[in-house]
Amino acid sequence: MRMKVGVLGATGAVGQRFIQLLAEHPWFELAALTASERSAGKKYGEIAKWRLDVPLPDKVKDLKVLPTSPEKVDADIVFSALPASIAKDVEPEFAKAGFVVASNASAYRMESDVPLMIPEVNPDHLGLVEVQKKNRHWDGCIITNPNCSVIAMALSLKPLMKFGIKGVHVATMQAVSGAGYEGVSSMAILDNVIPYIAKEEEKMEIEAQKILGEFDGAKVKNADFAVSASCNRVPVIDGHTEAIWASLCDNPSLSEVRDAFAKFKCDEVKGLPTAPEKAIIVHDAEDRPQPRLDRNAGKGMSVSVGRIMEYADGVKYIAMGHNTIRGAAGASILNAELFCKTYKR
């Protein structure tokens, strides 16, 4: 039986991606869209500033937009595209009311009893749901996905964990869609690179350790390595590109590193509709990956890596992922699918 789902904050860039990906989802029926009070009661097709490069699904054009309140939403799972400042208060209200909240917001990512998930990387961390329910006396729960840039980085680091990671440096080249529909003006970004994205470097430097840490049944012990990040906005629509330098305890050959990337898989995501056939795609061409060529790999859910080279006591490489699909809406949907599979919903 298909489960009813809703999208909180449905009019923004990530909310639109949720709608695009959920419109024909085989497990989920898109039943509710919420937005601000000024939009409530209006038809979604009348108020959404829909992206020109993505078609608006016919089935949502006439859906009435609801207030973002648990009493108004008839669904089992809600996908949160809310700003963190709003999610901080709203998401617990839905969890208390029995909803599964699959959140893209940063508000609860680093809470000790909230899973910060990349299903191919740390599926066992979903066990924190039981800890959370017990701690907070909630009938529902909050499950979060990481920052969009962290997802590509952490997913690419997972196969390297077997070599022992001592430290990571990363420089990002992040697409403008990561700032929302009106987040960066064209006059600011065209012919330009902006070497600052508010709070982005801090997220990259703390989230990966939790994701790659060990869950002991009660808590997550963070991975024992440091990340140093420099985050930059570039004039690309979709697709975050990252130059990553990983210092390793062992001394693997480049072919061993390449094989680790190419052979990486996770059995726990088998059968999940949003999971790509390959979570990591390796490119041998010297000029790949590129956002225009590779962001839609695996329907936007695969992370591409290339330019794998020796670096001091480790390796350096380029990683690239679709920031609003794998890095946002698709990540939350995959988390919800894993929840349904795990808890037989």
C-alpha atoms as a PDB file:
ATOM      1  CA  MET A   1       0.000   0.000   0.000  1.00  0.00           C
ATOM      2  CA  ARG A   2       1.303   3.444  -0.922  1.00  0.00           C
ATOM      3  CA  MET A   3       2.038   5.792   1.962  1.00  0.00           C
ATOM      4  CA  LYS A   4       0.746   9.343   2.035  1.00  0.00           C
ATOM      5  CA  VAL A   5       3.503  11.952   2.173  1.00  0.00           C
ATOM      6  CA  GLY A   6       3.713  15.706   2.371  1.00  0.00           C
ATOM      7  CA  VAL A   7       6.287  18.391   1.650  1.00  0.00           C
ATOM      8  CA  LEU A   8       6.900  21.145   4.196  1.00  0.00           C
ATOM      9  CA  GLY A   9       8.147  24.336   2.560  1.00  0.00           C
ATOM     10  CA  ALA A  10       7.005  23.224  -0.881  1.00  0.00           C
ATOM     11  CA  THR A  11       7.594  26.441  -2.825  1.00  0.00           C
ATOM     12  CA  GLY A  12      11.393  26.761  -2.478  1.00  0.00           C
ATOM     13  CA  ALA A  13      14.120  25.194  -4.618  1.00  0.00           C
ATOM     14  CA  VAL A  14      14.426  22.031  -2.511  1.00  0.00           C
ATOM     15  CA  GLY A  15      10.665  21.799  -2.054  1.00  0.00           C
ATOM     16  CA  GLN A  16      10.288  21.805  -5.817  1.00  0.00           C
ATOM     17  CA  ARG A  17      12.801  18.977  -6.147  1.00  0.00           C
ATOM     18  CA  PHE A  18      10.845  16.982  -3.584  1.00  0.00           C
ATOM     19  CA  ILE A  19       7.696  17.429  -5.647  1.00  0.00           C
ATOM     20  CA  GLN A  20       9.461  16.493  -8.884  1.00  0.00           C
ATOM     21  CA  LEU A  21      10.890  13.287  -7.366  1.00  0.00           C
ATOM     22  CA  LEU A  22       7.741  12.305  -5.454  1.00  0.00           C
ATOM     23  CA  ALA A  23       5.205  12.928  -8.242  1.00  0.00           C
ATOM     24  CA  GLU A  24       5.627   9.427  -9.714  1.00  0.00           C
ATOM     25  CA  HIS A  25       7.181   7.647  -6.726  1.00  0.00           C
ATOM     26  CA  PRO A  26       6.171   3.957  -6.554  1.00  0.00           C
ATOM     27  CA  TRP A  27       5.885   3.865  -2.729  1.00  0.00           C
ATOM     28  CA  PHE A  28       4.707   7.356  -1.824  1.00  0.00           C
ATOM     29  CA  GLU A  29       1.547   9.280  -2.681  1.00  0.00           C
ATOM     30  CA  LEU A  30       2.076  13.042  -2.638  1.00  0.00           C
ATOM     31  CA  ALA A  31      -0.926  14.225  -0.633  1.00  0.00           C
ATOM     32  CA  ALA A  32      -0.021  17.505   1.068  1.00  0.00           C
ATOM     33  CA  LEU A  33       2.015  20.621   0.316  1.00  0.00           C
ATOM     34  CA  THR A  34       2.637  23.332   2.904  1.00  0.00           C
ATOM     35  CA  ALA A  35       4.028  26.838   2.741  1.00  0.00           C
ATOM     36  CA  SER A  36       3.776  30.153   4.575  1.00  0.00           C
ATOM     37  CA  GLU A  37       0.488  31.537   5.857  1.00  0.00           C
ATOM     38  CA  ARG A  38       0.285  34.010   2.959  1.00  0.00           C
ATOM     39  CA  SER A  39       0.299  31.101   0.486  1.00  0.00           C
ATOM     40  CA  ALA A  40      -2.112  28.836   2.397  1.00  0.00           C
ATOM     41  CA  GLY A  41      -5.394  28.177   0.624  1.00  0.00           C
ATOM     42  CA  LYS A  42      -4.065  28.984  -2.835  1.00  0.00           C
ATOM     43  CA  LYS A  43      -3.408  26.498  -5.638  1.00  0.00           C
ATOM     44  CA  TYR A  44       0.210  25.395  -5.796  1.00  0.00           C
ATOM     45  CA  GLY A  45       0.467  26.115  -9.524  1.00  0.00           C
ATOM     46  CA  GLU A  46      -0.535  29.725  -8.913  1.00  0.00           C
ATOM     47  CA  ILE A  47       2.123  30.556  -6.336  1.00  0.00           C
ATOM     48  CA  ALA A  48       5.191  28.435  -7.114  1.00  0.00           C
ATOM     49  CA  LYS A  49       8.007  30.174  -9.000  1.00  0.00           C
ATOM     50  CA  TRP A  50       8.756  26.919 -10.776  1.00  0.00           C
ATOM     51  CA  ARG A  51      12.141  26.367 -12.418  1.00  0.00           C
ATOM     52  CA  LEU A  52      11.996  26.699 -16.201  1.00  0.00           C
ATOM     53  CA  ASP A  53      14.198  23.632 -16.802  1.00  0.00           C
ATOM     54  CA  VAL A  54      11.997  21.225 -14.774  1.00  0.00           C
ATOM     55  CA  PRO A  55       8.346  20.576 -15.744  1.00  0.00           C
ATOM     56  CA  LEU A  56       5.707  21.190 -13.078  1.00  0.00           C
ATOM     57  CA  PRO A  57       3.861  17.870 -12.506  1.00  0.00           C
ATOM     58  CA  ASP A  58       0.200  18.188 -13.520  1.00  0.00           C
ATOM     59  CA  LYS A  59      -1.021  16.386 -10.406  1.00  0.00           C
ATOM     60  CA  VAL A  60       0.173  19.157  -8.067  1.00  0.00           C
ATOM     61  CA  LYS A  61      -0.969  22.232 -10.023  1.00  0.00           C
ATOM     62  CA  ASP A  62      -4.386  22.307  -8.375  1.00  0.00           C
ATOM     63  CA  LEU A  63      -3.380  21.075  -4.911  1.00  0.00           C
ATOM     64  CA  LYS A  64      -4.351  23.578  -2.229  1.00  0.00           C
ATOM     65  CA  VAL A  65      -1.368  24.762  -0.224  1.00  0.00           C
ATOM     66  CA  LEU A  66      -1.778  24.116   3.506  1.00  0.00           C
ATOM     67  CA  PRO A  67      -0.436  25.889   6.590  1.00  0.00           C
ATOM     68  CA  THR A  68       2.651  24.161   7.989  1.00  0.00           C
ATOM     69  CA  SER A  69       0.846  22.576  10.935  1.00  0.00           C
ATOM     70  CA  PRO A  70       0.475  18.890  11.953  1.00  0.00           C
ATOM     71  CA  GLU A  71      -3.283  19.366  12.398  1.00  0.00           C
ATOM     72  CA  LYS A  72      -3.658  20.361   8.734  1.00  0.00           C
ATOM     73  CA  VAL A  73      -1.571  17.612   7.112  1.00  0.00           C
ATOM     74  CA  ASP A  74      -2.929  14.133   6.332  1.00  0.00           C
ATOM     75  CA  ALA A  75       0.205  12.058   5.760  1.00  0.00           C
ATOM     76  CA  ASP A  76       2.481   9.449   7.330  1.00  0.00           C
ATOM     77  CA  ILE A  77       5.805  10.956   6.257  1.00  0.00           C
ATOM     78  CA  VAL A  78       6.651  14.610   5.727  1.00  0.00           C
ATOM     79  CA  PHE A  79       9.703  15.848   3.842  1.00  0.00           C
ATOM     80  CA  SER A  80      11.055  19.063   5.297  1.00  0.00           C
ATOM     81  CA  ALA A  81      12.497  21.702   2.986  1.00  0.00           C
ATOM     82  CA  LEU A  82      12.086  24.347   5.673  1.00  0.00           C
ATOM     83  CA  PRO A  83      14.794  26.874   6.548  1.00  0.00           C
ATOM     84  CA  ALA A  84      16.678  25.778   9.666  1.00  0.00           C
ATOM     85  CA  SER A  85      15.343  28.692  11.700  1.00  0.00           C
ATOM     86  CA  ILE A  86      11.759  27.540  11.087  1.00  0.00           C
ATOM     87  CA  ALA A  87      12.500  23.800  11.163  1.00  0.00           C
ATOM     88  CA  LYS A  88      13.878  24.141  14.701  1.00  0.00           C
ATOM     89  CA  ASP A  89      10.366  24.722  16.054  1.00  0.00           C
ATOM     90  CA  VAL A  90       8.165  23.067  13.432  1.00  0.00           C
ATOM     91  CA  GLU A  91       9.808  19.662  12.919  1.00  0.00           C
ATOM     92  CA  PRO A  92       9.423  18.568  16.584  1.00  0.00           C
ATOM     93  CA  GLU A  93       5.717  19.452  16.415  1.00  0.00           C
ATOM     94  CA  PHE A  94       5.294  16.971  13.558  1.00  0.00           C
ATOM     95  CA  ALA A  95       7.434  14.309  15.276  1.00  0.00           C
ATOM     96  CA  LYS A  96       5.420  14.632  18.511  1.00  0.00           C
ATOM     97  CA  ALA A  97       2.252  14.192  16.463  1.00  0.00           C
ATOM     98  CA  GLY A  98       3.497  10.865  15.082  1.00  0.00           C
ATOM     99  CA  PHE A  99       4.903  11.897  11.708  1.00  0.00           C
ATOM    100  CA  VAL A 100       8.174  10.579  10.321  1.00  0.00           C
ATOM    101  CA  VAL A 101      10.031  13.781   9.440  1.00  0.00           C
ATOM    102  CA  ALA A 102      12.648  13.271   6.719  1.00  0.00           C
ATOM    103  CA  SER A 103      14.466  16.582   6.951  1.00  0.00           C
ATOM    104  CA  ASN A 104      16.831  18.416   4.674  1.00  0.00           C
ATOM    105  CA  ALA A 105      17.207  21.202   7.248  1.00  0.00           C
ATOM    106  CA  SER A 106      20.317  21.576   9.403  1.00  0.00           C
ATOM    107  CA  ALA A 107      18.493  22.292  12.680  1.00  0.00           C
ATOM    108  CA  TYR A 108      18.762  18.778  14.204  1.00  0.00           C
ATOM    109  CA  ARG A 109      21.628  17.183  12.266  1.00  0.00           C
ATOM    110  CA  MET A 110      24.120  17.275  15.110  1.00  0.00           C
ATOM    111  CA  GLU A 111      21.731  16.279  17.916  1.00  0.00           C
ATOM    112  CA  SER A 112      23.127  13.131  19.515  1.00  0.00           C
ATOM    113  CA  ASP A 113      19.881  11.138  19.160  1.00  0.00           C
ATOM    114  CA  VAL A 114      19.021  12.224  15.602  1.00  0.00           C
ATOM    115  CA  PRO A 115      20.348  10.101  12.726  1.00  0.00           C
ATOM    116  CA  LEU A 116      22.397  12.006  10.140  1.00  0.00           C
ATOM    117  CA  MET A 117      22.052   9.650   7.231  1.00  0.00           C
ATOM    118  CA  ILE A 118      23.579   8.649   3.940  1.00  0.00           C
ATOM    119  CA  PRO A 119      21.975   5.207   3.531  1.00  0.00           C
ATOM    120  CA  GLU A 120      24.887   3.683   1.577  1.00  0.00           C
ATOM    121  CA  VAL A 121      27.341   4.932   4.219  1.00  0.00           C
ATOM    122  CA  ASN A 122      25.739   4.512   7.648  1.00  0.00           C
ATOM    123  CA  PRO A 123      22.453   2.563   7.427  1.00  0.00           C
ATOM    124  CA  ASP A 124      22.928   1.249  10.963  1.00  0.00           C
ATOM    125  CA  HIS A 125      22.650   4.814  12.330  1.00  0.00           C
ATOM    126  CA  LEU A 126      18.917   4.541  11.685  1.00  0.00           C
ATOM    127  CA  GLY A 127      18.906   2.741  15.037  1.00  0.00           C
ATOM    128  CA  LEU A 128      19.069   6.181  16.654  1.00  0.00           C
ATOM    129  CA  VAL A 129      15.340   6.490  15.881  1.00  0.00           C
ATOM    130  CA  GLU A 130      14.548   4.229  18.839  1.00  0.00           C
ATOM    131  CA  VAL A 131      16.910   6.179  21.089  1.00  0.00           C
ATOM    132  CA  GLN A 132      15.280   9.428  19.968  1.00  0.00           C
ATOM    133  CA  LYS A 133      11.732   8.234  20.593  1.00  0.00           C
ATOM    134  CA  LYS A 134      12.670   7.053  24.075  1.00  0.00           C
ATOM    135  CA  ASN A 135      14.560  10.234  24.945  1.00  0.00           C
ATOM    136  CA  ARG A 136      11.977  12.674  23.639  1.00  0.00           C
ATOM    137  CA  HIS A 137       8.749  10.691  24.179  1.00  0.00           C
ATOM    138  CA  TRP A 138       7.765  11.184  20.549  1.00  0.00           C
ATOM    139  CA  ASP A 139       5.450   8.914  18.570  1.00  0.00           C
ATOM    140  CA  GLY A 140       7.224   9.992  15.383  1.00  0.00           C
ATOM    141  CA  CYS A 141      10.823  10.902  14.678  1.00  0.00           C
ATOM    142  CA  ILE A 142      13.213  13.183  12.819  1.00  0.00           C
ATOM    143  CA  ILE A 143      15.718  11.729  10.343  1.00  0.00           C
ATOM    144  CA  THR A 144      18.145  14.148   8.711  1.00  0.00           C
ATOM    145  CA  ASN A 145      20.368  14.163   5.671  1.00  0.00           C
ATOM    146  CA  PRO A 146      23.658  16.086   5.622  1.00  0.00           C
ATOM    147  CA  ASN A 147      24.642  19.325   3.977  1.00  0.00           C
ATOM    148  CA  CYS A 148      24.704  19.022   0.183  1.00  0.00           C
ATOM    149  CA  SER A 149      28.491  19.303  -0.085  1.00  0.00           C
ATOM    150  CA  VAL A 150      29.075  16.941   2.833  1.00  0.00           C
ATOM    151  CA  ILE A 151      27.065  14.205   1.118  1.00  0.00           C
ATOM    152  CA  ALA A 152      29.359  14.056  -1.923  1.00  0.00           C
ATOM    153  CA  MET A 153      32.458  14.251   0.255  1.00  0.00           C
ATOM    154  CA  ALA A 154      31.394  11.692   2.881  1.00  0.00           C
ATOM    155  CA  LEU A 155      30.101   9.230   0.296  1.00  0.00           C
ATOM    156  CA  SER A 156      33.432   9.391  -1.524  1.00  0.00           C
ATOM    157  CA  LEU A 157      35.380   9.033   1.745  1.00  0.00           C
ATOM    158  CA  LYS A 158      33.527   5.901   2.875  1.00  0.00           C
ATOM    159  CA  PRO A 159      35.471   3.515   0.564  1.00  0.00           C
ATOM    160  CA  LEU A 160      38.735   5.080   1.818  1.00  0.00           C
ATOM    161  CA  MET A 161      37.940   4.308   5.467  1.00  0.00           C
ATOM    162  CA  LYS A 162      39.542   0.881   5.111  1.00  0.00           C
ATOM    163  CA  PHE A 163      42.869   2.609   4.443  1.00  0.00           C
ATOM    164  CA  GLY A 164      42.527   4.725   7.585  1.00  0.00           C
ATOM    165  CA  ILE A 165      41.805   8.450   7.212  1.00  0.00           C
ATOM    166  CA  LYS A 166      44.093  10.834   9.102  1.00  0.00           C
ATOM    167  CA  GLY A 167      42.726  14.102   7.787  1.00  0.00           C
ATOM    168  CA  VAL A 168      40.851  15.737   4.915  1.00  0.00           C
ATOM    169  CA  HIS A 169      41.139  19.046   3.095  1.00  0.00           C
ATOM    170  CA  VAL A 170      38.409  20.077   0.674  1.00  0.00           C
ATOM    171  CA  ALA A 171      37.789  23.043  -1.621  1.00  0.00           C
ATOM    172  CA  THR A 172      34.283  23.274  -3.050  1.00  0.00           C
ATOM    173  CA  MET A 173      32.900  24.859  -6.199  1.00  0.00           C
ATOM    174  CA  GLN A 174      29.194  25.071  -5.383  1.00  0.00           C
ATOM    175  CA  ALA A 175      26.283  25.693  -7.732  1.00  0.00           C
ATOM    176  CA  VAL A 176      23.961  28.651  -7.307  1.00  0.00           C
ATOM    177  CA  SER A 177      20.885  26.431  -6.823  1.00  0.00           C
ATOM    178  CA  GLY A 178      22.305  25.616  -3.404  1.00  0.00           C
ATOM    179  CA  ALA A 179      21.411  29.161  -2.359  1.00  0.00           C
ATOM    180  CA  GLY A 180      17.753  28.828  -3.393  1.00  0.00           C
ATOM    181  CA  TYR A 181      15.783  30.263  -6.291  1.00  0.00           C
ATOM    182  CA  GLU A 182      16.685  33.873  -5.495  1.00  0.00           C
ATOM    183  CA  GLY A 183      19.704  33.222  -3.291  1.00  0.00           C
ATOM    184  CA  VAL A 184      22.448  34.746  -5.456  1.00  0.00           C
ATOM    185  CA  SER A 185      21.738  37.590  -7.852  1.00  0.00           C
ATOM    186  CA  SER A 186      22.941  37.244 -11.421  1.00  0.00           C
ATOM    187  CA  MET A 187      24.976  40.451 -11.096  1.00  0.00           C
ATOM    188  CA  ALA A 188      26.842  38.948  -8.138  1.00  0.00           C
ATOM    189  CA  ILE A 189      27.701  35.539  -9.606  1.00  0.00           C
ATOM    190  CA  LEU A 190      28.094  35.989 -13.394  1.00  0.00           C
ATOM    191  CA  ASP A 191      31.758  36.332 -14.356  1.00  0.00           C
ATOM    192  CA  ASN A 192      32.642  35.720 -10.733  1.00  0.00           C
ATOM    193  CA  VAL A 193      33.542  33.308  -7.932  1.00  0.00           C
ATOM    194  CA  ILE A 194      32.377  34.102  -4.400  1.00  0.00           C
ATOM    195  CA  PRO A 195      34.815  32.616  -1.839  1.00  0.00           C
ATOM    196  CA  TYR A 196      32.347  32.516   1.029  1.00  0.00           C
ATOM    197  CA  ILE A 197      29.092  30.670   1.768  1.00  0.00           C
ATOM    198  CA  ALA A 198      27.600  31.379   5.192  1.00  0.00           C
ATOM    199  CA  LYS A 199      27.978  28.467   7.677  1.00  0.00           C
ATOM    200  CA  GLU A 200      28.976  26.072   4.868  1.00  0.00           C
ATOM    201  CA  GLU A 201      32.543  25.471   5.959  1.00  0.00           C
ATOM    202  CA  GLU A 202      31.461  24.787   9.532  1.00  0.00           C
ATOM    203  CA  LYS A 203      28.970  22.153   8.338  1.00  0.00           C
ATOM    204  CA  MET A 204      31.585  20.427   6.195  1.00  0.00           C
ATOM    205  CA  GLU A 205      34.014  20.365   9.085  1.00  0.00           C
ATOM    206  CA  ILE A 206      31.706  18.677  11.620  1.00  0.00           C
ATOM    207  CA  GLU A 207      29.061  16.591   9.821  1.00  0.00           C
ATOM    208  CA  ALA A 208      31.290  14.024   8.086  1.00  0.00           C
ATOM    209  CA  GLN A 209      32.729  12.738  11.363  1.00  0.00           C
ATOM    210  CA  LYS A 210      29.244  11.879  12.662  1.00  0.00           C
ATOM    211  CA  ILE A 211      28.221  10.213   9.391  1.00  0.00           C
ATOM    212  CA  LEU A 212      31.397   8.122   9.243  1.00  0.00           C
ATOM    213  CA  GLY A 213      31.371   7.387  12.972  1.00  0.00           C
ATOM    214  CA  GLU A 214      30.415   4.124  14.718  1.00  0.00           C
ATOM    215  CA  PHE A 215      26.977   3.507  16.238  1.00  0.00           C
ATOM    216  CA  ASP A 216      27.121   1.365  19.372  1.00  0.00           C
ATOM    217  CA  GLY A 217      23.379   0.966  19.837  1.00  0.00           C
ATOM    218  CA  ALA A 218      23.022   4.055  22.008  1.00  0.00           C
ATOM    219  CA  LYS A 219      25.122   6.787  20.451  1.00  0.00           C
ATOM    220  CA  VAL A 220      27.492   7.587  17.604  1.00  0.00           C
ATOM    221  CA  LYS A 221      31.206   7.871  18.275  1.00  0.00           C
ATOM    222  CA  ASN A 222      32.532  10.343  15.727  1.00  0.00           C
ATOM    223  CA  ALA A 223      35.225   9.323  13.263  1.00  0.00           C
ATOM    224  CA  ASP A 224      38.648  10.418  14.472  1.00  0.00           C
ATOM    225  CA  PHE A 225      39.872  12.756  11.762  1.00  0.00           C
ATOM    226  CA  ALA A 226      39.665  16.484  11.037  1.00  0.00           C
ATOM    227  CA  VAL A 227      38.222  18.194   7.953  1.00  0.00           C
ATOM    228  CA  SER A 228      39.412  21.597   6.751  1.00  0.00           C
ATOM    229  CA  ALA A 229      37.111  23.207   4.184  1.00  0.00           C
ATOM    230  CA  SER A 230      37.082  26.186   1.846  1.00  0.00           C
ATOM    231  CA  CYS A 231      33.688  26.751   0.201  1.00  0.00           C
ATOM    232  CA  ASN A 232      33.125  28.782  -2.963  1.00  0.00           C
ATOM    233  CA  ARG A 233      30.064  29.737  -5.011  1.00  0.00           C
ATOM    234  CA  VAL A 234      30.524  29.458  -8.786  1.00  0.00           C
ATOM    235  CA  PRO A 235      28.280  30.281 -11.800  1.00  0.00           C
ATOM    236  CA  VAL A 236      26.920  26.746 -12.284  1.00  0.00           C
ATOM    237  CA  ILE A 237      23.183  26.024 -11.980  1.00  0.00           C
ATOM    238  CA  ASP A 238      23.280  22.493 -10.490  1.00  0.00           C
ATOM    239  CA  GLY A 239      26.128  20.275  -9.346  1.00  0.00           C
ATOM    240  CA  HIS A 240      28.664  20.825  -6.582  1.00  0.00           C
ATOM    241  CA  THR A 241      32.274  20.010  -7.498  1.00  0.00           C
ATOM    242  CA  GLU A 242      34.871  19.330  -4.805  1.00  0.00           C
ATOM    243  CA  ALA A 243      38.655  18.977  -4.811  1.00  0.00           C
ATOM    244  CA  ILE A 244      39.488  16.602  -1.959  1.00  0.00           C
ATOM    245  CA  TRP A 245      42.857  15.805  -0.393  1.00  0.00           C
ATOM    246  CA  ALA A 246      42.725  12.769   1.925  1.00  0.00           C
ATOM    247  CA  SER A 247      45.661  11.834   4.165  1.00  0.00           C
ATOM    248  CA  LEU A 248      45.666   8.076   4.768  1.00  0.00           C
ATOM    249  CA  CYS A 249      47.231   5.827   7.400  1.00  0.00           C
ATOM    250  CA  ASP A 250      48.028   3.104   4.879  1.00  0.00           C
ATOM    251  CA  ASN A 251      49.798   3.653   1.586  1.00  0.00           C
ATOM    252  CA  PRO A 252      47.411   2.277  -1.071  1.00  0.00           C
ATOM    253  CA  SER A 253      48.276   2.381  -4.737  1.00  0.00           C
ATOM    254  CA  LEU A 254      46.167   4.511  -7.052  1.00  0.00           C
ATOM    255  CA  SER A 255      44.700   1.358  -8.565  1.00  0.00           C
ATOM    256  CA  GLU A 256      43.664   0.181  -5.094  1.00  0.00           C
ATOM    257  CA  VAL A 257      41.990   3.516  -4.446  1.00  0.00           C
ATOM    258  CA  ARG A 258      40.268   3.427  -7.805  1.00  0.00           C
ATOM    259  CA  ASP A 259      39.016  -0.106  -7.142  1.00  0.00           C
ATOM    260  CA  ALA A 260      37.741   0.937  -3.710  1.00  0.00           C
ATOM    261  CA  PHE A 261      35.646   3.654  -5.352  1.00  0.00           C
ATOM    262  CA  ALA A 262      34.485   1.491  -8.265  1.00  0.00           C
ATOM    263  CA  LYS A 263      33.513  -1.557  -6.177  1.00  0.00           C
ATOM    264  CA  PHE A 264      31.786   0.346  -3.395  1.00  0.00           C
ATOM    265  CA  LYS A 265      28.250  -0.843  -2.679  1.00  0.00           C
ATOM    266  CA  CYS A 266      25.813  -1.202   0.193  1.00  0.00           C
ATOM    267  CA  ASP A 267      23.404  -4.151   0.346  1.00  0.00           C
ATOM    268  CA  GLU A 268      21.020  -2.332   2.705  1.00  0.00           C
ATOM    269  CA  VAL A 269      19.812  -0.010  -0.074  1.00  0.00           C
ATOM    270  CA  LYS A 270      19.050  -2.829  -2.511  1.00  0.00           C
ATOM    271  CA  GLY A 271      15.489  -2.496  -3.760  1.00  0.00           C
ATOM    272  CA  LEU A 272      15.030   1.123  -2.689  1.00  0.00           C
ATOM    273  CA  PRO A 273      13.489   3.053  -5.614  1.00  0.00           C
ATOM    274  CA  THR A 274      15.725   6.123  -5.275  1.00  0.00           C
ATOM    275  CA  ALA A 275      19.017   4.255  -4.748  1.00  0.00           C
ATOM    276  CA  PRO A 276      21.259   4.430  -7.841  1.00  0.00           C
ATOM    277  CA  GLU A 277      22.745   1.271  -9.312  1.00  0.00           C
ATOM    278  CA  LYS A 278      26.177   2.731  -8.508  1.00  0.00           C
ATOM    279  CA  ALA A 279      26.549   5.193  -5.652  1.00  0.00           C
ATOM    280  CA  ILE A 280      30.019   6.162  -6.940  1.00  0.00           C
ATOM    281  CA  ILE A 281      30.946   6.387 -10.617  1.00  0.00           C
ATOM    282  CA  VAL A 282      34.644   6.561 -11.464  1.00  0.00           C
ATOM    283  CA  HIS A 283      35.843   8.571 -14.472  1.00  0.00           C
ATOM    284  CA  ASP A 284      39.202   7.929 -16.131  1.00  0.00           C
ATOM    285  CA  ALA A 285      39.169  10.957 -18.451  1.00  0.00           C
ATOM    286  CA  GLU A 286      41.468  13.740 -17.258  1.00  0.00           C
ATOM    287  CA  ASP A 287      38.754  16.401 -17.480  1.00  0.00           C
ATOM    288  CA  ARG A 288      35.942  14.605 -15.597  1.00  0.00           C
ATOM    289  CA  PRO A 289      33.727  14.849 -13.636  1.00  0.00           C
ATOM    290  CA  GLN A 290      31.965  17.989 -14.821  1.00  0.00           C
ATOM    291  CA  PRO A 291      28.570  19.292 -13.629  1.00  0.00           C
ATOM    292  CA  ARG A 292      27.061  19.668 -17.112  1.00  0.00           C
ATOM    293  CA  LEU A 293      28.092  16.150 -18.127  1.00  0.00           C
ATOM    294  CA  ASP A 294      27.766  14.196 -14.890  1.00  0.00           C
ATOM    295  CA  ARG A 295      25.298  15.775 -12.443  1.00  0.00           C
ATOM    296  CA  ASN A 296      22.390  13.599 -13.628  1.00  0.00           C
ATOM    297  CA  ALA A 297      24.277  10.304 -13.303  1.00  0.00           C
ATOM    298  CA  GLY A 298      22.109   7.737 -11.568  1.00  0.00           C
ATOM    299  CA  LYS A 299      19.138  10.097 -12.021  1.00  0.00           C
ATOM    300  CA  GLY A 300      21.089  12.639  -9.996  1.00  0.00           C
ATOM    301  CA  MET A 301      21.815  10.233  -7.118  1.00  0.00           C
ATOM    302  CA  SER A 302      25.309   9.036  -8.090  1.00  0.00           C
ATOM    303  CA  VAL A 303      28.470  10.842  -6.998  1.00  0.00           C
ATOM    304  CA  SER A 304      31.138  11.011  -9.691  1.00  0.00           C
ATOM    305  CA  VAL A 305      34.868  10.916  -8.902  1.00  0.00           C
ATOM    306  CA  GLY A 306      37.888  11.407 -11.115  1.00  0.00           C
ATOM    307  CA  ARG A 307      41.421  12.835 -11.375  1.00  0.00           C
ATOM    308  CA  ILE A 308      42.621  10.382  -8.719  1.00  0.00           C
ATOM    309  CA  MET A 309      46.248  11.254  -7.996  1.00  0.00           C
ATOM    310  CA  GLU A 310      48.957  10.773  -5.410  1.00  0.00           C
ATOM    311  CA  TYR A 311      49.203  13.388  -2.674  1.00  0.00           C
ATOM    312  CA  ALA A 312      51.859  13.463   0.054  1.00  0.00           C
ATOM    313  CA  ASP A 313      50.666  10.746   2.451  1.00  0.00           C
ATOM    314  CA  GLY A 314      47.430   9.951   0.658  1.00  0.00           C
ATOM    315  CA  VAL A 315      45.380  10.743  -2.443  1.00  0.00           C
ATOM    316  CA  LYS A 316      43.659  13.694  -4.031  1.00  0.00           C
ATOM    317  CA  TYR A 317      40.674  13.551  -6.348  1.00  0.00           C
ATOM    318  CA  ILE A 318      37.649  15.441  -7.673  1.00  0.00           C
ATOM    319  CA  ALA A 319      34.132  14.536  -6.529  1.00  0.00           C
ATOM    320  CA  MET A 320      30.902  15.935  -7.966  1.00  0.00           C
ATOM    321  CA  GLY A 321      27.257  15.425  -7.061  1.00  0.00           C
ATOM    322  CA  HIS A 322      23.870  16.926  -7.886  1.00  0.00           C
ATOM    323  CA  ASN A 323      23.259  19.249  -4.969  1.00  0.00           C
ATOM    324  CA  THR A 324      19.458  19.456  -5.040  1.00  0.00           C
ATOM    325  CA  ILE A 325      18.897  15.746  -5.792  1.00  0.00           C
ATOM    326  CA  ARG A 326      21.605  13.642  -4.104  1.00  0.00           C
ATOM    327  CA  GLY A 327      22.513  16.612  -1.933  1.00  0.00           C
ATOM    328  CA  ALA A 328      18.991  17.466  -0.770  1.00  0.00           C
ATOM    329  CA  ALA A 329      15.563  16.154  -1.840  1.00  0.00           C
ATOM    330  CA  GLY A 330      16.733  12.791  -3.194  1.00  0.00           C
ATOM    331  CA  ALA A 331      18.775  12.212  -0.042  1.00  0.00           C
ATOM    332  CA  SER A 332      15.741  12.732   2.213  1.00  0.00           C
ATOM    333  CA  ILE A 333      13.588  10.468   0.057  1.00  0.00           C
ATOM    334  CA  LEU A 334      16.206   7.715   0.153  1.00  0.00           C
ATOM    335  CA  ASN A 335      16.321   8.067   3.954  1.00  0.00           C
ATOM    336  CA  ALA A 336      12.536   7.645   4.108  1.00  0.00           C
ATOM    337  CA  GLU A 337      12.713   4.581   1.866  1.00  0.00           C
ATOM    338  CA  LEU A 338      15.317   3.002   4.129  1.00  0.00           C
ATOM    339  CA  PHE A 339      13.105   3.759   7.133  1.00  0.00           C
ATOM    340  CA  CYS A 340      10.126   2.076   5.462  1.00  0.00           C
ATOM    341  CA  LYS A 341      12.193  -0.967   4.515  1.00  0.00           C
ATOM    342  CA  THR A 342      13.724  -1.252   7.996  1.00  0.00           C
ATOM    343  CA  TYR A 343      10.477  -0.791   9.915  1.00  0.00           C
ATOM    344  CA  LYS A 344       8.303  -2.692   7.387  1.00  0.00           C
ATOM    345  CA  ARG A 345       6.052   0.290   6.658  1.00  0.00           C
END
